[in-house]
C-alpha atoms as a PDB file:
ATOM      1  CA  UNK A   1     -92.856-116.298  61.104  1.00  0.00           C
ATOM      2  CA  UNK A   2     -92.004-113.477  58.033  1.00  0.00           C
ATOM      3  CA  UNK A   3     -88.887-112.153  56.864  1.00  0.00           C
ATOM      4  CA  UNK A   4     -88.020-108.613  56.899  1.00  0.00           C
ATOM      5  CA  UNK A   5     -88.171-108.920  53.405  1.00  0.00           C
ATOM      6  CA  UNK A   6     -91.592-110.157  53.161  1.00  0.00           C
ATOM      7  CA  UNK A   7     -92.990-107.888  55.876  1.00  0.00           C
ATOM      8  CA  UNK A   8     -91.215-104.871  54.030  1.00  0.00           C
ATOM      9  CA  UNK A   9     -92.813-105.869  50.679  1.00  0.00           C
ATOM     10  CA  UNK A  10     -96.438-106.638  52.659  1.00  0.00           C
ATOM     11  CA  UNK A  11     -95.976-102.395  53.545  1.00  0.00           C
ATOM     12  CA  UNK A  12     -95.504-101.635  50.420  1.00  0.00           C
ATOM     13  CA  UNK A  13     -98.729-102.941  49.026  1.00  0.00           C
ATOM     14  CA  UNK A  14    -100.880-101.826  52.214  1.00  0.00           C
ATOM     15  CA  UNK A  15     -99.465 -98.481  51.324  1.00  0.00           C
ATOM     16  CA  UNK A  16    -100.237 -98.502  47.533  1.00  0.00           C
ATOM     17  CA  UNK A  17    -103.915 -99.952  47.975  1.00  0.00           C
ATOM     18  CA  UNK A  18    -104.266 -96.968  50.621  1.00  0.00           C
ATOM     19  CA  UNK A  19    -102.911 -94.569  47.700  1.00  0.00           C
ATOM     20  CA  UNK A  20    -105.336 -95.952  45.196  1.00  0.00           C
ATOM     21  CA  UNK A  21    -108.362 -95.805  47.133  1.00  0.00           C
ATOM     22  CA  UNK A  22    -107.396 -92.184  48.185  1.00  0.00           C
ATOM     23  CA  UNK A  23    -107.197 -90.832  44.526  1.00  0.00           C
ATOM     24  CA  UNK A  24    -110.081 -93.011  43.493  1.00  0.00           C
ATOM     25  CA  UNK A  25    -111.688 -91.314  46.362  1.00  0.00           C
ATOM     26  CA  UNK A  26    -110.962 -88.039  45.505  1.00  0.00           C
ATOM     27  CA  UNK A  27    -113.854 -85.260  44.528  1.00  0.00           C
ATOM     28  CA  UNK A  28    -113.483 -83.461  41.049  1.00  0.00           C
ATOM     29  CA  UNK A  29    -112.769 -79.583  41.422  1.00  0.00           C
ATOM     30  CA  UNK A  30    -116.411 -77.860  40.403  1.00  0.00           C
ATOM     31  CA  UNK A  31    -115.193 -75.687  37.736  1.00  0.00           C
ATOM     32  CA  UNK A  32    -115.832 -72.031  37.833  1.00  0.00           C
ATOM     33  CA  UNK A  33    -119.433 -71.085  35.929  1.00  0.00           C
ATOM     34  CA  UNK A  34    -119.074 -68.536  33.476  1.00  0.00           C
ATOM     35  CA  UNK A  35    -122.588 -66.525  32.182  1.00  0.00           C
ATOM     36  CA  UNK A  36    -123.933 -63.865  30.019  1.00  0.00           C
ATOM     37  CA  UNK A  37    -127.213 -62.350  31.140  1.00  0.00           C
ATOM     38  CA  UNK A  38    -129.036 -60.622  27.873  1.00  0.00           C
ATOM     39  CA  UNK A  39    -132.361 -58.223  28.697  1.00  0.00           C
ATOM     40  CA  UNK A  40    -132.510 -57.800  32.506  1.00  0.00           C
ATOM     41  CA  UNK A  41    -135.272 -55.721  32.777  1.00  0.00           C
ATOM     42  CA  UNK A  42    -134.739 -53.591  36.148  1.00  0.00           C
ATOM     43  CA  UNK A  43    -137.981 -54.243  37.389  1.00  0.00           C
ATOM     44  CA  UNK A  44    -139.195 -57.660  39.680  1.00  0.00           C
ATOM     45  CA  UNK A  45    -142.817 -57.470  37.488  1.00  0.00           C
ATOM     46  CA  UNK A  46    -140.947 -59.191  34.951  1.00  0.00           C
ATOM     47  CA  UNK A  47    -141.491 -62.492  33.862  1.00  0.00           C
ATOM     48  CA  UNK A  48    -138.624 -65.042  35.388  1.00  0.00           C
ATOM     49  CA  UNK A  49    -135.597 -65.722  32.668  1.00  0.00           C
ATOM     50  CA  UNK A  50    -134.928 -68.670  31.046  1.00  0.00           C
ATOM     51  CA  UNK A  51    -131.321 -70.191  30.564  1.00  0.00           C
ATOM     52  CA  UNK A  52    -130.353 -72.392  27.724  1.00  0.00           C
ATOM     53  CA  UNK A  53    -126.525 -73.410  28.541  1.00  0.00           C
ATOM     54  CA  UNK A  54    -124.379 -70.301  29.134  1.00  0.00           C
ATOM     55  CA  UNK A  55    -126.382 -67.336  28.037  1.00  0.00           C
ATOM     56  CA  UNK A  56    -129.343 -65.798  29.661  1.00  0.00           C
ATOM     57  CA  UNK A  57    -132.486 -63.987  28.729  1.00  0.00           C
ATOM     58  CA  UNK A  58    -134.887 -62.519  30.628  1.00  0.00           C
ATOM     59  CA  UNK A  59    -139.197 -60.792  29.333  1.00  0.00           C
ATOM     60  CA  UNK A  60    -139.978 -57.132  29.451  1.00  0.00           C
ATOM     61  CA  UNK A  61    -141.287 -55.949  32.639  1.00  0.00           C
ATOM     62  CA  UNK A  62    -145.328 -55.375  32.659  1.00  0.00           C
ATOM     63  CA  UNK A  63    -144.723 -52.243  34.647  1.00  0.00           C
ATOM     64  CA  UNK A  64    -141.935 -50.402  36.992  1.00  0.00           C
ATOM     65  CA  UNK A  65    -142.973 -50.798  40.221  1.00  0.00           C
ATOM     66  CA  UNK A  66    -140.059 -49.175  42.025  1.00  0.00           C
ATOM     67  CA  UNK A  67    -138.801 -52.477  43.527  1.00  0.00           C
ATOM     68  CA  UNK A  68    -135.347 -54.390  42.536  1.00  0.00           C
ATOM     69  CA  UNK A  69    -135.113 -57.825  40.298  1.00  0.00           C
ATOM     70  CA  UNK A  70    -133.448 -59.636  42.904  1.00  0.00           C
ATOM     71  CA  UNK A  71    -130.893 -62.318  40.842  1.00  0.00           C
ATOM     72  CA  UNK A  72    -129.247 -65.160  42.469  1.00  0.00           C
ATOM     73  CA  UNK A  73    -125.918 -65.858  40.491  1.00  0.00           C
ATOM     74  CA  UNK A  74    -125.424 -69.789  40.724  1.00  0.00           C
ATOM     75  CA  UNK A  75    -128.831 -70.683  38.972  1.00  0.00           C
ATOM     76  CA  UNK A  76    -129.052 -67.593  37.029  1.00  0.00           C
ATOM     77  CA  UNK A  77    -132.467 -67.190  38.566  1.00  0.00           C
ATOM     78  CA  UNK A  78    -134.661 -64.137  39.199  1.00  0.00           C
ATOM     79  CA  UNK A  79    -136.292 -64.518  42.635  1.00  0.00           C
ATOM     80  CA  UNK A  80    -139.404 -63.165  43.748  1.00  0.00           C
ATOM     81  CA  UNK A  81    -139.422 -60.102  45.883  1.00  0.00           C
ATOM     82  CA  UNK A  82    -141.188 -61.828  48.445  1.00  0.00           C
ATOM     83  CA  UNK A  83    -138.011 -63.202  49.222  1.00  0.00           C
ATOM     84  CA  UNK A  84    -135.761 -59.899  49.715  1.00  0.00           C
ATOM     85  CA  UNK A  85    -135.378 -60.735  53.136  1.00  0.00           C
ATOM     86  CA  UNK A  86    -133.930 -64.231  52.602  1.00  0.00           C
ATOM     87  CA  UNK A  87    -130.372 -65.348  51.667  1.00  0.00           C
ATOM     88  CA  UNK A  88    -132.126 -66.796  48.687  1.00  0.00           C
ATOM     89  CA  UNK A  89    -130.755 -63.973  46.431  1.00  0.00           C
ATOM     90  CA  UNK A  90    -127.211 -61.985  45.687  1.00  0.00           C
ATOM     91  CA  UNK A  91    -127.730 -58.999  43.483  1.00  0.00           C
ATOM     92  CA  UNK A  92    -130.531 -56.788  42.544  1.00  0.00           C
ATOM     93  CA  UNK A  93    -131.177 -53.957  40.195  1.00  0.00           C
ATOM     94  CA  UNK A  94    -133.640 -50.976  39.931  1.00  0.00           C
ATOM     95  CA  UNK A  95    -132.569 -48.315  37.094  1.00  0.00           C
ATOM     96  CA  UNK A  96    -129.082 -47.927  37.838  1.00  0.00           C
ATOM     97  CA  UNK A  97    -128.774 -48.630  41.629  1.00  0.00           C
ATOM     98  CA  UNK A  98    -127.672 -51.564  42.316  1.00  0.00           C
ATOM     99  CA  UNK A  99    -127.828 -53.872  45.928  1.00  0.00           C
ATOM    100  CA  UNK A 100    -126.066 -56.721  47.411  1.00  0.00           C
ATOM    101  CA  UNK A 101    -127.792 -58.894  50.329  1.00  0.00           C
ATOM    102  CA  UNK A 102    -125.556 -58.145  52.756  1.00  0.00           C
ATOM    103  CA  UNK A 103    -125.315 -55.613  55.478  1.00  0.00           C
ATOM    104  CA  UNK A 104    -127.958 -53.537  57.864  1.00  0.00           C
ATOM    105  CA  UNK A 105    -130.523 -53.523  55.688  1.00  0.00           C
ATOM    106  CA  UNK A 106    -130.376 -57.062  54.405  1.00  0.00           C
ATOM    107  CA  UNK A 107    -130.672 -60.923  55.741  1.00  0.00           C
ATOM    108  CA  UNK A 108    -127.782 -62.280  53.503  1.00  0.00           C
ATOM    109  CA  UNK A 109    -123.365 -62.828  53.790  1.00  0.00           C
ATOM    110  CA  UNK A 110    -123.633 -60.599  50.373  1.00  0.00           C
ATOM    111  CA  UNK A 111    -121.214 -57.609  50.148  1.00  0.00           C
ATOM    112  CA  UNK A 112    -119.342 -56.126  47.029  1.00  0.00           C
ATOM    113  CA  UNK A 113    -116.741 -54.024  45.486  1.00  0.00           C
ATOM    114  CA  UNK A 114    -115.851 -52.164  42.151  1.00  0.00           C
ATOM    115  CA  UNK A 115    -112.196 -52.958  41.380  1.00  0.00           C
ATOM    116  CA  UNK A 116    -110.533 -51.048  38.540  1.00  0.00           C
ATOM    117  CA  UNK A 117    -108.602 -53.352  36.293  1.00  0.00           C
ATOM    118  CA  UNK A 118    -110.655 -55.580  33.289  1.00  0.00           C
ATOM    119  CA  UNK A 119    -112.579 -58.568  33.730  1.00  0.00           C
ATOM    120  CA  UNK A 120    -110.717 -61.008  32.347  1.00  0.00           C
ATOM    121  CA  UNK A 121    -107.514 -59.982  33.901  1.00  0.00           C
ATOM    122  CA  UNK A 122    -109.160 -60.524  37.647  1.00  0.00           C
ATOM    123  CA  UNK A 123    -108.318 -64.180  38.588  1.00  0.00           C
ATOM    124  CA  UNK A 124    -108.121 -64.124  42.093  1.00  0.00           C
ATOM    125  CA  UNK A 125    -109.910 -62.034  44.684  1.00  0.00           C
ATOM    126  CA  UNK A 126    -106.949 -60.523  47.091  1.00  0.00           C
ATOM    127  CA  UNK A 127    -106.950 -61.511  50.460  1.00  0.00           C
ATOM    128  CA  UNK A 128    -106.763 -57.513  51.095  1.00  0.00           C
ATOM    129  CA  UNK A 129    -109.837 -56.527  49.816  1.00  0.00           C
ATOM    130  CA  UNK A 130    -112.448 -55.049  51.558  1.00  0.00           C
ATOM    131  CA  UNK A 131    -115.804 -55.508  50.320  1.00  0.00           C
ATOM    132  CA  UNK A 132    -118.606 -52.935  51.549  1.00  0.00           C
ATOM    133  CA  UNK A 133    -122.447 -54.081  52.565  1.00  0.00           C
ATOM    134  CA  UNK A 134    -125.962 -52.274  51.933  1.00  0.00           C
ATOM    135  CA  UNK A 135    -126.305 -50.011  55.123  1.00  0.00           C
ATOM    136  CA  UNK A 136    -128.997 -47.871  54.152  1.00  0.00           C
ATOM    137  CA  UNK A 137    -131.287 -47.403  51.238  1.00  0.00           C
ATOM    138  CA  UNK A 138    -128.742 -44.207  50.530  1.00  0.00           C
ATOM    139  CA  UNK A 139    -125.282 -46.082  51.743  1.00  0.00           C
ATOM    140  CA  UNK A 140    -125.188 -48.662  48.944  1.00  0.00           C
ATOM    141  CA  UNK A 141    -121.710 -51.007  48.539  1.00  0.00           C
ATOM    142  CA  UNK A 142    -122.280 -50.191  44.753  1.00  0.00           C
ATOM    143  CA  UNK A 143    -121.864 -46.392  44.591  1.00  0.00           C
ATOM    144  CA  UNK A 144    -124.382 -44.681  43.316  1.00  0.00           C
ATOM    145  CA  UNK A 145    -124.311 -41.706  40.431  1.00  0.00           C
ATOM    146  CA  UNK A 146    -122.130 -41.115  37.330  1.00  0.00           C
ATOM    147  CA  UNK A 147    -118.630 -41.785  37.552  1.00  0.00           C
ATOM    148  CA  UNK A 148    -118.528 -43.291  41.272  1.00  0.00           C
ATOM    149  CA  UNK A 149    -119.556 -46.851  40.489  1.00  0.00           C
ATOM    150  CA  UNK A 150    -120.437 -48.396  36.761  1.00  0.00           C
ATOM    151  CA  UNK A 151    -120.997 -46.087  34.918  1.00  0.00           C
ATOM    152  CA  UNK A 152    -120.718 -42.298  33.658  1.00  0.00           C
ATOM    153  CA  UNK A 153    -123.864 -40.239  32.769  1.00  0.00           C
ATOM    154  CA  UNK A 154    -124.232 -37.797  30.110  1.00  0.00           C
ATOM    155  CA  UNK A 155    -126.898 -36.034  27.182  1.00  0.00           C
ATOM    156  CA  UNK A 156    -128.789 -38.487  28.711  1.00  0.00           C
ATOM    157  CA  UNK A 157    -127.236 -41.481  27.944  1.00  0.00           C
ATOM    158  CA  UNK A 158    -125.990 -44.463  30.757  1.00  0.00           C
ATOM    159  CA  UNK A 159    -122.847 -45.827  29.335  1.00  0.00           C
ATOM    160  CA  UNK A 160    -120.759 -48.494  31.590  1.00  0.00           C
ATOM    161  CA  UNK A 161    -117.153 -47.319  32.678  1.00  0.00           C
ATOM    162  CA  UNK A 162    -114.539 -49.662  31.147  1.00  0.00           C
ATOM    163  CA  UNK A 163    -112.453 -51.243  33.021  1.00  0.00           C
ATOM    164  CA  UNK A 164    -114.662 -51.130  35.968  1.00  0.00           C
ATOM    165  CA  UNK A 165    -115.551 -55.073  37.641  1.00  0.00           C
ATOM    166  CA  UNK A 166    -117.946 -55.331  40.556  1.00  0.00           C
ATOM    167  CA  UNK A 167    -116.661 -58.005  42.428  1.00  0.00           C
ATOM    168  CA  UNK A 168    -119.835 -59.292  44.257  1.00  0.00           C
ATOM    169  CA  UNK A 169    -120.270 -61.778  47.595  1.00  0.00           C
ATOM    170  CA  UNK A 170    -123.325 -63.531  47.582  1.00  0.00           C
ATOM    171  CA  UNK A 171    -125.816 -63.843  49.887  1.00  0.00           C
ATOM    172  CA  UNK A 172    -124.318 -67.168  51.112  1.00  0.00           C
ATOM    173  CA  UNK A 173    -120.921 -66.289  51.341  1.00  0.00           C
ATOM    174  CA  UNK A 174    -119.633 -67.430  47.748  1.00  0.00           C
ATOM    175  CA  UNK A 175    -117.667 -65.258  45.227  1.00  0.00           C
ATOM    176  CA  UNK A 176    -118.508 -63.909  41.658  1.00  0.00           C
ATOM    177  CA  UNK A 177    -117.427 -61.163  39.421  1.00  0.00           C
ATOM    178  CA  UNK A 178    -119.919 -59.000  37.341  1.00  0.00           C
ATOM    179  CA  UNK A 179    -118.928 -56.924  34.414  1.00  0.00           C
ATOM    180  CA  UNK A 180    -122.016 -54.515  32.909  1.00  0.00           C
ATOM    181  CA  UNK A 181    -122.135 -54.491  29.887  1.00  0.00           C
ATOM    182  CA  UNK A 182    -125.300 -52.682  29.015  1.00  0.00           C
ATOM    183  CA  UNK A 183    -128.259 -50.496  30.133  1.00  0.00           C
ATOM    184  CA  UNK A 184    -130.460 -50.654  27.745  1.00  0.00           C
ATOM    185  CA  UNK A 185    -132.629 -53.502  25.634  1.00  0.00           C
ATOM    186  CA  UNK A 186    -130.752 -54.826  22.836  1.00  0.00           C
ATOM    187  CA  UNK A 187    -127.396 -54.063  24.424  1.00  0.00           C
ATOM    188  CA  UNK A 188    -126.658 -51.001  21.166  1.00  0.00           C
ATOM    189  CA  UNK A 189    -123.137 -50.680  20.258  1.00  0.00           C
ATOM    190  CA  UNK A 190    -124.569 -46.884  20.549  1.00  0.00           C
ATOM    191  CA  UNK A 191    -127.266 -46.693  22.985  1.00  0.00           C
ATOM    192  CA  UNK A 192    -129.416 -43.162  22.074  1.00  0.00           C
ATOM    193  CA  UNK A 193    -132.151 -40.901  23.486  1.00  0.00           C
ATOM    194  CA  UNK A 194    -134.757 -43.290  21.631  1.00  0.00           C
ATOM    195  CA  UNK A 195    -133.103 -46.440  23.282  1.00  0.00           C
ATOM    196  CA  UNK A 196    -135.315 -47.737  25.890  1.00  0.00           C
ATOM    197  CA  UNK A 197    -133.249 -48.336  29.772  1.00  0.00           C
ATOM    198  CA  UNK A 198    -133.562 -50.368  32.690  1.00  0.00           C
ATOM    199  CA  UNK A 199    -132.474 -53.825  30.637  1.00  0.00           C
ATOM    200  CA  UNK A 200    -129.122 -54.701  31.851  1.00  0.00           C
ATOM    201  CA  UNK A 201    -126.430 -56.793  29.704  1.00  0.00           C
ATOM    202  CA  UNK A 202    -123.734 -57.919  32.071  1.00  0.00           C
ATOM    203  CA  UNK A 203    -121.754 -61.357  32.316  1.00  0.00           C
ATOM    204  CA  UNK A 204    -120.436 -62.909  35.096  1.00  0.00           C
ATOM    205  CA  UNK A 205    -118.105 -65.518  36.414  1.00  0.00           C
ATOM    206  CA  UNK A 206    -119.445 -67.105  39.641  1.00  0.00           C
ATOM    207  CA  UNK A 207    -116.864 -69.518  42.182  1.00  0.00           C
ATOM    208  CA  UNK A 208    -119.272 -72.111  43.624  1.00  0.00           C
ATOM    209  CA  UNK A 209    -116.845 -73.788  45.891  1.00  0.00           C
ATOM    210  CA  UNK A 210    -116.438 -70.357  48.164  1.00  0.00           C
ATOM    211  CA  UNK A 211    -112.801 -69.806  47.555  1.00  0.00           C
ATOM    212  CA  UNK A 212    -111.719 -66.360  45.901  1.00  0.00           C
ATOM    213  CA  UNK A 213    -110.617 -67.643  42.867  1.00  0.00           C
ATOM    214  CA  UNK A 214    -112.511 -66.355  39.587  1.00  0.00           C
ATOM    215  CA  UNK A 215    -110.585 -68.673  36.660  1.00  0.00           C
END
């Protein structure tokens, strides 16, 4: 018969073994993805982007088609416009308009709101945050017009408003933050009337685990 001392010793060893197994099976946390996209044409006829490291560069569009360039944040991919009725894309660009894949006229779970504050300081999406969705072509989650959303328009120049961050819920229900850095090809520091527009440069952080933590 086992003594009480031996019984306690065996129990302790069993607990240690279970704890060790539990630790070994813990899945490592997936880090957030930080990327910069350069010269993304606001036109779906563009050649799809190619990604190197954390920087993404797109090529010049063949022509304007009055359609949106659809973009998936999880893998920095331009999505074919023929997939617009799916949840395979998250955000779209056409001229100064930005759409998301959620709402009455979309198929995904997306949404967005414009956050006032710096990009780096936004580390967690507040639980009280309200995400808007695209309800119609004229009622979008990201407001249009100078001063209403992400940009100002003056003297024919589109300028991103400092301290405006787009908080995006993706087509499949994940979260990201997006900051538009430039509307012009090559992201000139001081755009002029001769700068070529409809080329977005932006940076974003994407959270792959579905949480609202963005750092």
